[in-house]
PDB file of all heavy atoms in Angstrom:
ATOM      1  N   SER A   1      94.715  80.603  98.525  1.00  0.00           N
ATOM      2  CA  SER A   1      93.948  79.924  99.559  1.00  0.00           C
ATOM      3  C   SER A   1      94.350  80.464 100.923  1.00  0.00           C
ATOM      4  O   SER A   1      95.486  80.884 101.125  1.00  0.00           O
ATOM      5  CB  SER A   1      94.197  78.415  99.524  1.00  0.00           C
ATOM      6  OG  SER A   1      93.793  77.852  98.298  1.00  0.00           O
ATOM      7  N   CYS A   2      93.422  80.429 101.846  1.00  0.00           N
ATOM      8  CA  CYS A   2      93.678  80.858 103.212  1.00  0.00           C
ATOM      9  C   CYS A   2      92.971  79.904 104.155  1.00  0.00           C
ATOM     10  O   CYS A   2      91.744  79.772 104.100  1.00  0.00           O
ATOM     11  CB  CYS A   2      93.183  82.289 103.419  1.00  0.00           C
ATOM     12  SG  CYS A   2      93.224  82.869 105.128  1.00  0.00           S
ATOM     13  N   VAL A   3      93.736  79.250 105.004  1.00  0.00           N
ATOM     14  CA  VAL A   3      93.183  78.319 105.980  1.00  0.00           C
ATOM     15  C   VAL A   3      93.192  78.973 107.352  1.00  0.00           C
ATOM     16  O   VAL A   3      94.214  79.500 107.787  1.00  0.00           O
ATOM     17  CB  VAL A   3      93.983  77.009 106.010  1.00  0.00           C
ATOM     18  CG1 VAL A   3      93.398  76.060 107.056  1.00  0.00           C
ATOM     19  CG2 VAL A   3      93.981  76.348 104.640  1.00  0.00           C
ATOM     20  N   ALA A   4      92.056  78.926 108.024  1.00  0.00           N
ATOM     21  CA  ALA A   4      91.902  79.561 109.323  1.00  0.00           C
ATOM     22  C   ALA A   4      91.848  78.540 110.443  1.00  0.00           C
ATOM     23  O   ALA A   4      91.181  77.509 110.331  1.00  0.00           O
ATOM     24  CB  ALA A   4      90.633  80.405 109.347  1.00  0.00           C
ATOM     25  N   SER A   5      92.537  78.829 111.524  1.00  0.00           N
ATOM     26  CA  SER A   5      92.560  77.947 112.691  1.00  0.00           C
ATOM     27  C   SER A   5      91.573  78.443 113.744  1.00  0.00           C
ATOM     28  O   SER A   5      91.954  78.910 114.820  1.00  0.00           O
ATOM     29  CB  SER A   5      93.962  77.868 113.277  1.00  0.00           C
ATOM     30  OG  SER A   5      94.398  79.139 113.728  1.00  0.00           O
ATOM     31  N   THR A   6      90.312  78.343 113.417  1.00  0.00           N
ATOM     32  CA  THR A   6      89.266  78.718 114.356  1.00  0.00           C
ATOM     33  C   THR A   6      88.167  77.670 114.313  1.00  0.00           C
ATOM     34  O   THR A   6      87.867  77.113 113.262  1.00  0.00           O
ATOM     35  CB  THR A   6      88.679  80.105 114.043  1.00  0.00           C
ATOM     36  OG1 THR A   6      87.542  80.348 114.878  1.00  0.00           O
ATOM     37  CG2 THR A   6      88.233  80.202 112.589  1.00  0.00           C
ATOM     38  N   LYS A   7      87.568  77.436 115.458  1.00  0.00           N
ATOM     39  CA  LYS A   7      86.493  76.453 115.544  1.00  0.00           C
ATOM     40  C   LYS A   7      85.159  76.999 115.073  1.00  0.00           C
ATOM     41  O   LYS A   7      84.206  76.239 114.915  1.00  0.00           O
ATOM     42  CB  LYS A   7      86.370  75.948 116.987  1.00  0.00           C
ATOM     43  CG  LYS A   7      87.606  75.250 117.508  1.00  0.00           C
ATOM     44  CD  LYS A   7      87.411  74.815 118.946  1.00  0.00           C
ATOM     45  CE  LYS A   7      88.663  74.135 119.482  1.00  0.00           C
ATOM     46  NZ  LYS A   7      88.496  73.718 120.897  1.00  0.00           N
ATOM     47  N   VAL A   8      85.106  78.319 114.859  1.00  0.00           N
ATOM     48  CA  VAL A   8      83.849  78.950 114.455  1.00  0.00           C
ATOM     49  C   VAL A   8      84.016  79.695 113.137  1.00  0.00           C
ATOM     50  O   VAL A   8      83.462  80.778 112.945  1.00  0.00           O
ATOM     51  CB  VAL A   8      83.334  79.897 115.561  1.00  0.00           C
ATOM     52  CG1 VAL A   8      82.872  79.091 116.764  1.00  0.00           C
ATOM     53  CG2 VAL A   8      84.404  80.891 115.986  1.00  0.00           C
ATOM     54  N   PHE A   9      84.747  79.104 112.216  1.00  0.00           N
ATOM     55  CA  PHE A   9      85.019  79.731 110.930  1.00  0.00           C
ATOM     56  C   PHE A   9      83.737  80.100 110.188  1.00  0.00           C
ATOM     57  O   PHE A   9      83.680  81.129 109.509  1.00  0.00           O
ATOM     58  CB  PHE A   9      85.872  78.805 110.067  1.00  0.00           C
ATOM     59  CG  PHE A   9      86.148  79.347 108.694  1.00  0.00           C
ATOM     60  CD1 PHE A   9      87.128  80.304 108.497  1.00  0.00           C
ATOM     61  CD2 PHE A   9      85.430  78.897 107.594  1.00  0.00           C
ATOM     62  CE1 PHE A   9      87.391  80.813 107.235  1.00  0.00           C
ATOM     63  CE2 PHE A   9      85.682  79.392 106.325  1.00  0.00           C
ATOM     64  CZ  PHE A   9      86.671  80.352 106.149  1.00  0.00           C
ATOM     65  N   SER A  10      82.724  79.278 110.317  1.00  0.00           N
ATOM     66  CA  SER A  10      81.508  79.478 109.545  1.00  0.00           C
ATOM     67  C   SER A  10      80.796  80.790 109.850  1.00  0.00           C
ATOM     68  O   SER A  10      80.003  81.262 109.033  1.00  0.00           O
ATOM     69  CB  SER A  10      80.538  78.308 109.761  1.00  0.00           C
ATOM     70  OG  SER A  10      80.135  78.220 111.111  1.00  0.00           O
ATOM     71  N   ILE A  11      81.055  81.393 110.990  1.00  0.00           N
ATOM     72  CA  ILE A  11      80.427  82.660 111.334  1.00  0.00           C
ATOM     73  C   ILE A  11      81.358  83.849 111.118  1.00  0.00           C
ATOM     74  O   ILE A  11      80.982  84.988 111.421  1.00  0.00           O
ATOM     75  CB  ILE A  11      79.912  82.674 112.786  1.00  0.00           C
ATOM     76  CG1 ILE A  11      81.073  82.618 113.781  1.00  0.00           C
ATOM     77  CG2 ILE A  11      78.936  81.533 113.023  1.00  0.00           C
ATOM     78  CD1 ILE A  11      80.648  82.882 115.216  1.00  0.00           C
ATOM     79  N   TYR A  12      82.534  83.606 110.611  1.00  0.00           N
ATOM     80  CA  TYR A  12      83.500  84.676 110.389  1.00  0.00           C
ATOM     81  C   TYR A  12      83.291  85.356 109.043  1.00  0.00           C
ATOM     82  O   TYR A  12      83.000  84.701 108.042  1.00  0.00           O
ATOM     83  CB  TYR A  12      84.924  84.129 110.435  1.00  0.00           C
ATOM     84  CG  TYR A  12      85.540  84.121 111.808  1.00  0.00           C
ATOM     85  CD1 TYR A  12      84.883  83.535 112.873  1.00  0.00           C
ATOM     86  CD2 TYR A  12      86.787  84.695 112.021  1.00  0.00           C
ATOM     87  CE1 TYR A  12      85.445  83.519 114.132  1.00  0.00           C
ATOM     88  CE2 TYR A  12      87.358  84.680 113.281  1.00  0.00           C
ATOM     89  CZ  TYR A  12      86.685  84.090 114.334  1.00  0.00           C
ATOM     90  OH  TYR A  12      87.262  84.076 115.583  1.00  0.00           O
ATOM     91  N   ALA A  13      83.433  86.658 109.049  1.00  0.00           N
ATOM     92  CA  ALA A  13      83.564  87.408 107.815  1.00  0.00           C
ATOM     93  C   ALA A  13      85.022  87.324 107.384  1.00  0.00           C
ATOM     94  O   ALA A  13      85.925  87.421 108.222  1.00  0.00           O
ATOM     95  CB  ALA A  13      83.157  88.860 108.020  1.00  0.00           C
ATOM     96  N   MET A  14      85.261  87.141 106.103  1.00  0.00           N
ATOM     97  CA  MET A  14      86.613  86.969 105.598  1.00  0.00           C
ATOM     98  C   MET A  14      86.882  87.928 104.450  1.00  0.00           C
ATOM     99  O   MET A  14      85.966  88.383 103.762  1.00  0.00           O
ATOM    100  CB  MET A  14      86.830  85.534 105.113  1.00  0.00           C
ATOM    101  CG  MET A  14      86.578  84.463 106.164  1.00  0.00           C
ATOM    102  SD  MET A  14      87.755  84.531 107.546  1.00  0.00           S
ATOM    103  CE  MET A  14      89.301  84.155 106.698  1.00  0.00           C
ATOM    104  N   GLY A  15      88.152  88.211 104.242  1.00  0.00           N
ATOM    105  CA  GLY A  15      88.491  89.117 103.164  1.00  0.00           C
ATOM    106  C   GLY A  15      89.914  88.954 102.684  1.00  0.00           C
ATOM    107  O   GLY A  15      90.702  88.188 103.242  1.00  0.00           O
ATOM    108  N   TRP A  16      90.206  89.684 101.622  1.00  0.00           N
ATOM    109  CA  TRP A  16      91.548  89.758 101.080  1.00  0.00           C
ATOM    110  C   TRP A  16      91.935  91.217 100.900  1.00  0.00           C
ATOM    111  O   TRP A  16      91.143  92.014 100.401  1.00  0.00           O
ATOM    112  CB  TRP A  16      91.661  89.051  99.723  1.00  0.00           C
ATOM    113  CG  TRP A  16      91.559  87.560  99.800  1.00  0.00           C
ATOM    114  CD1 TRP A  16      90.446  86.800  99.660  1.00  0.00           C
ATOM    115  CD2 TRP A  16      92.642  86.647 100.018  1.00  0.00           C
ATOM    116  NE1 TRP A  16      90.746  85.470  99.776  1.00  0.00           N
ATOM    117  CE2 TRP A  16      92.091  85.345 100.001  1.00  0.00           C
ATOM    118  CE3 TRP A  16      94.004  86.791 100.224  1.00  0.00           C
ATOM    119  CZ2 TRP A  16      92.863  84.196 100.188  1.00  0.00           C
ATOM    120  CZ3 TRP A  16      94.777  85.663 100.413  1.00  0.00           C
ATOM    121  CH2 TRP A  16      94.209  84.384 100.387  1.00  0.00           C
ATOM    122  N   PHE A  17      93.142  91.537 101.317  1.00  0.00           N
ATOM    123  CA  PHE A  17      93.747  92.830 101.087  1.00  0.00           C
ATOM    124  C   PHE A  17      95.081  92.606 100.395  1.00  0.00           C
ATOM    125  O   PHE A  17      95.601  91.490 100.390  1.00  0.00           O
ATOM    126  CB  PHE A  17      93.959  93.588 102.401  1.00  0.00           C
ATOM    127  CG  PHE A  17      92.695  94.104 103.029  1.00  0.00           C
ATOM    128  CD1 PHE A  17      91.788  93.249 103.636  1.00  0.00           C
ATOM    129  CD2 PHE A  17      92.408  95.464 103.023  1.00  0.00           C
ATOM    130  CE1 PHE A  17      90.628  93.715 104.215  1.00  0.00           C
ATOM    131  CE2 PHE A  17      91.248  95.951 103.608  1.00  0.00           C
ATOM    132  CZ  PHE A  17      90.362  95.081 104.196  1.00  0.00           C
ATOM    133  N   ARG A  18      95.619  93.654  99.820  1.00  0.00           N
ATOM    134  CA  ARG A  18      96.930  93.537  99.197  1.00  0.00           C
ATOM    135  C   ARG A  18      97.724  94.808  99.418  1.00  0.00           C
ATOM    136  O   ARG A  18      97.173  95.876  99.644  1.00  0.00           O
ATOM    137  CB  ARG A  18      96.814  93.231  97.704  1.00  0.00           C
ATOM    138  CG  ARG A  18      96.201  94.357  96.874  1.00  0.00           C
ATOM    139  CD  ARG A  18      95.977  93.891  95.445  1.00  0.00           C
ATOM    140  NE  ARG A  18      95.451  94.959  94.605  1.00  0.00           N
ATOM    141  CZ  ARG A  18      95.061  94.796  93.348  1.00  0.00           C
ATOM    142  NH1 ARG A  18      95.135  93.589  92.774  1.00  0.00           N
ATOM    143  NH2 ARG A  18      94.590  95.829  92.656  1.00  0.00           N
ATOM    144  N   GLN A  19      99.031  94.666  99.337  1.00  0.00           N
ATOM    145  CA  GLN A  19      99.903  95.814  99.489  1.00  0.00           C
ATOM    146  C   GLN A  19     101.068  95.693  98.520  1.00  0.00           C
ATOM    147  O   GLN A  19     101.872  94.764  98.608  1.00  0.00           O
ATOM    148  CB  GLN A  19     100.424  95.940 100.919  1.00  0.00           C
ATOM    149  CG  GLN A  19     101.209  97.217 101.162  1.00  0.00           C
ATOM    150  CD  GLN A  19     101.440  97.476 102.637  1.00  0.00           C
ATOM    151  OE1 GLN A  19     101.434  96.559 103.451  1.00  0.00           O
ATOM    152  NE2 GLN A  19     101.627  98.733 102.982  1.00  0.00           N
ATOM    153  N   ALA A  20     101.132  96.631  97.602  1.00  0.00           N
ATOM    154  CA  ALA A  20     102.237  96.701  96.666  1.00  0.00           C
ATOM    155  C   ALA A  20     103.369  97.500  97.286  1.00  0.00           C
ATOM    156  O   ALA A  20     103.147  98.344  98.159  1.00  0.00           O
ATOM    157  CB  ALA A  20     101.790  97.340  95.357  1.00  0.00           C
ATOM    158  N   THR A  21     104.567  97.259  96.829  1.00  0.00           N
ATOM    159  CA  THR A  21     105.727  97.962  97.348  1.00  0.00           C
ATOM    160  C   THR A  21     105.559  99.462  97.204  1.00  0.00           C
ATOM    161  O   THR A  21     105.255  99.964  96.124  1.00  0.00           O
ATOM    162  CB  THR A  21     106.995  97.520  96.619  1.00  0.00           C
ATOM    163  OG1 THR A  21     107.174  96.108  96.776  1.00  0.00           O
ATOM    164  CG2 THR A  21     108.218  98.234  97.167  1.00  0.00           C
ATOM    165  N   GLY A  22     105.734 100.168  98.305  1.00  0.00           N
ATOM    166  CA  GLY A  22     105.640 101.615  98.289  1.00  0.00           C
ATOM    167  C   GLY A  22     104.239 102.172  98.284  1.00  0.00           C
ATOM    168  O   GLY A  22     104.064 103.391  98.180  1.00  0.00           O
ATOM    169  N   LYS A  23     103.240 101.315  98.394  1.00  0.00           N
ATOM    170  CA  LYS A  23     101.860 101.765  98.369  1.00  0.00           C
ATOM    171  C   LYS A  23     101.122 101.382  99.645  1.00  0.00           C
ATOM    172  O   LYS A  23     101.571 100.529 100.412  1.00  0.00           O
ATOM    173  CB  LYS A  23     101.123 101.190  97.162  1.00  0.00           C
ATOM    174  CG  LYS A  23     101.632 101.688  95.821  1.00  0.00           C
ATOM    175  CD  LYS A  23     100.744 101.207  94.688  1.00  0.00           C
ATOM    176  CE  LYS A  23     101.194 101.767  93.354  1.00  0.00           C
ATOM    177  NZ  LYS A  23     100.312 101.322  92.250  1.00  0.00           N
ATOM    178  N   GLN A  24      99.984 102.027  99.845  1.00  0.00           N
ATOM    179  CA  GLN A  24      99.137 101.719 100.984  1.00  0.00           C
ATOM    180  C   GLN A  24      98.453 100.372 100.802  1.00  0.00           C
ATOM    181  O   GLN A  24      98.241  99.904  99.671  1.00  0.00           O
ATOM    182  CB  GLN A  24      98.076 102.801 101.161  1.00  0.00           C
ATOM    183  CG  GLN A  24      98.613 104.160 101.583  1.00  0.00           C
ATOM    184  CD  GLN A  24      99.005 104.171 103.032  1.00  0.00           C
ATOM    185  OE1 GLN A  24     100.143 103.852 103.389  1.00  0.00           O
ATOM    186  NE2 GLN A  24      98.069 104.528 103.902  1.00  0.00           N
ATOM    187  N   ARG A  25      98.104  99.764 101.895  1.00  0.00           N
ATOM    188  CA  ARG A  25      97.351  98.529 101.866  1.00  0.00           C
ATOM    189  C   ARG A  25      95.992  98.782 101.227  1.00  0.00           C
ATOM    190  O   ARG A  25      95.325  99.771 101.526  1.00  0.00           O
ATOM    191  CB  ARG A  25      97.196  97.994 103.288  1.00  0.00           C
ATOM    192  CG  ARG A  25      96.646  96.597 103.388  1.00  0.00           C
ATOM    193  CD  ARG A  25      96.824  96.089 104.806  1.00  0.00           C
ATOM    194  NE  ARG A  25      96.232  96.996 105.774  1.00  0.00           N
ATOM    195  CZ  ARG A  25      96.606  97.099 107.036  1.00  0.00           C
ATOM    196  NH1 ARG A  25      97.586  96.336 107.499  1.00  0.00           N
ATOM    197  NH2 ARG A  25      95.996  97.959 107.841  1.00  0.00           N
ATOM    198  N   GLU A  26      95.576  97.891 100.358  1.00  0.00           N
ATOM    199  CA  GLU A  26      94.388  98.091  99.547  1.00  0.00           C
ATOM    200  C   GLU A  26      93.386  96.962  99.742  1.00  0.00           C
ATOM    201  O   GLU A  26      93.740  95.782  99.728  1.00  0.00           O
ATOM    202  CB  GLU A  26      94.793  98.179  98.072  1.00  0.00           C
ATOM    203  CG  GLU A  26      93.648  98.343  97.096  1.00  0.00           C
ATOM    204  CD  GLU A  26      94.110  98.270  95.655  1.00  0.00           C
ATOM    205  OE1 GLU A  26      95.153  97.637  95.389  1.00  0.00           O
ATOM    206  OE2 GLU A  26      93.437  98.859  94.786  1.00  0.00           O
ATOM    207  N   TYR A  27      92.153  97.335  99.897  1.00  0.00           N
ATOM    208  CA  TYR A  27      91.059  96.380  99.968  1.00  0.00           C
ATOM    209  C   TYR A  27      90.891  95.683  98.628  1.00  0.00           C
ATOM    210  O   TYR A  27      90.953  96.313  97.572  1.00  0.00           O
ATOM    211  CB  TYR A  27      89.770  97.118 100.353  1.00  0.00           C
ATOM    212  CG  TYR A  27      88.485  96.422  99.978  1.00  0.00           C
ATOM    213  CD1 TYR A  27      87.981  95.382 100.752  1.00  0.00           C
ATOM    214  CD2 TYR A  27      87.768  96.830  98.862  1.00  0.00           C
ATOM    215  CE1 TYR A  27      86.794  94.756 100.415  1.00  0.00           C
ATOM    216  CE2 TYR A  27      86.578  96.209  98.516  1.00  0.00           C
ATOM    217  CZ  TYR A  27      86.098  95.179  99.292  1.00  0.00           C
ATOM    218  OH  TYR A  27      84.918  94.561  98.958  1.00  0.00           O
ATOM    219  N   VAL A  28      90.660  94.375  98.651  1.00  0.00           N
ATOM    220  CA  VAL A  28      90.468  93.605  97.431  1.00  0.00           C
ATOM    221  C   VAL A  28      89.068  93.012  97.363  1.00  0.00           C
ATOM    222  O   VAL A  28      88.330  93.240  96.409  1.00  0.00           O
ATOM    223  CB  VAL A  28      91.509  92.475  97.304  1.00  0.00           C
ATOM    224  CG1 VAL A  28      91.211  91.602  96.082  1.00  0.00           C
ATOM    225  CG2 VAL A  28      92.912  93.056  97.214  1.00  0.00           C
ATOM    226  N   ALA A  29      88.697  92.242  98.382  1.00  0.00           N
ATOM    227  CA  ALA A  29      87.409  91.557  98.355  1.00  0.00           C
ATOM    228  C   ALA A  29      87.026  91.092  99.747  1.00  0.00           C
ATOM    229  O   ALA A  29      87.886  90.879 100.600  1.00  0.00           O
ATOM    230  CB  ALA A  29      87.449  90.359  97.406  1.00  0.00           C
TER     231      ALA A  29
END
């Protein structure tokens, strides 16, 4: 879960990234 502290959350694009040890940050969704 990710909770955002913005008053205009509904217009925000959101995503998930991940980073494994020793690897580049990777796009997830």
